[in-house]
Amino acid sequence: MATRIADGRQLLVALEGEPCPSCRAGSLVRTEYKGNSAVCCEECGTPRVQLW
């Protein structure tokens, strides 16, 4: 279980700063989405990854 959590966090870190594939205008930032750790676009707000 701890490995899955670490893998999820590594995924969030790896995606941070990447361009948004939905709008191409923003970049991805680590944040919360519906109470979960996530990576969302700072411009359009689209979540790309969400950890439960």
Protein backbone atom coordinates (compact mmCIF):
# COMPACT_ATOMS: atom_id res chain seq x y z
CA MET A 1 0.00 0.00 0.00
CA ALA A 2 2.79 2.46 0.88
CA THR A 3 4.37 1.84 -2.52
CA ARG A 4 1.12 2.79 -4.29
CA ILE A 5 0.93 6.05 -2.35
CA ALA A 6 4.55 6.86 -3.18
CA ASP A 7 3.96 6.00 -6.86
CA GLY A 8 0.92 8.28 -6.96
CA ARG A 9 2.82 11.17 -5.45
CA GLN A 10 5.68 10.65 -7.90
CA LEU A 11 3.16 10.82 -10.74
CA LEU A 12 1.83 14.15 -9.44
CA VAL A 13 5.37 15.53 -9.21
CA ALA A 14 6.24 14.27 -12.70
CA LEU A 15 3.20 15.96 -14.28
CA GLU A 16 3.58 19.28 -12.48
CA GLY A 17 4.57 22.04 -14.90
CA GLU A 18 3.60 20.09 -18.03
CA PRO A 19 1.36 21.85 -20.59
CA CYS A 20 -2.36 21.15 -20.31
CA PRO A 21 -3.47 18.73 -23.04
CA SER A 22 -7.05 20.09 -22.83
CA CYS A 23 -6.55 23.81 -23.41
CA ARG A 24 -2.84 24.17 -24.30
CA ALA A 25 -2.92 27.62 -22.65
CA GLY A 26 -2.16 26.55 -19.08
CA SER A 27 0.19 24.28 -17.25
CA LEU A 28 -0.48 21.58 -14.69
CA VAL A 29 -0.16 22.34 -10.98
CA ARG A 30 -0.47 20.17 -7.89
CA THR A 31 -3.61 21.01 -5.97
CA GLU A 32 -6.71 19.45 -4.42
CA TYR A 33 -9.69 18.38 -6.49
CA LYS A 34 -12.87 17.37 -4.67
CA GLY A 35 -10.81 16.76 -1.51
CA ASN A 36 -8.20 14.57 -3.21
CA SER A 37 -4.57 15.25 -4.16
CA ALA A 38 -4.54 16.07 -7.84
CA VAL A 39 -2.86 17.74 -10.80
CA CYS A 40 -5.09 20.28 -12.54
CA CYS A 41 -4.67 22.94 -15.20
CA GLU A 42 -4.12 26.37 -13.72
CA GLU A 43 -5.92 27.95 -16.69
CA CYS A 44 -9.02 25.83 -17.42
CA GLY A 45 -9.19 23.87 -14.12
CA THR A 46 -9.41 20.47 -15.80
CA PRO A 47 -8.12 17.71 -13.52
CA ARG A 48 -5.62 15.39 -15.22
CA VAL A 49 -4.82 13.04 -12.31
CA GLN A 50 -6.61 12.55 -9.01
CA LEU A 51 -5.52 10.27 -6.18
CA TRP A 52 -8.12 8.60 -3.96
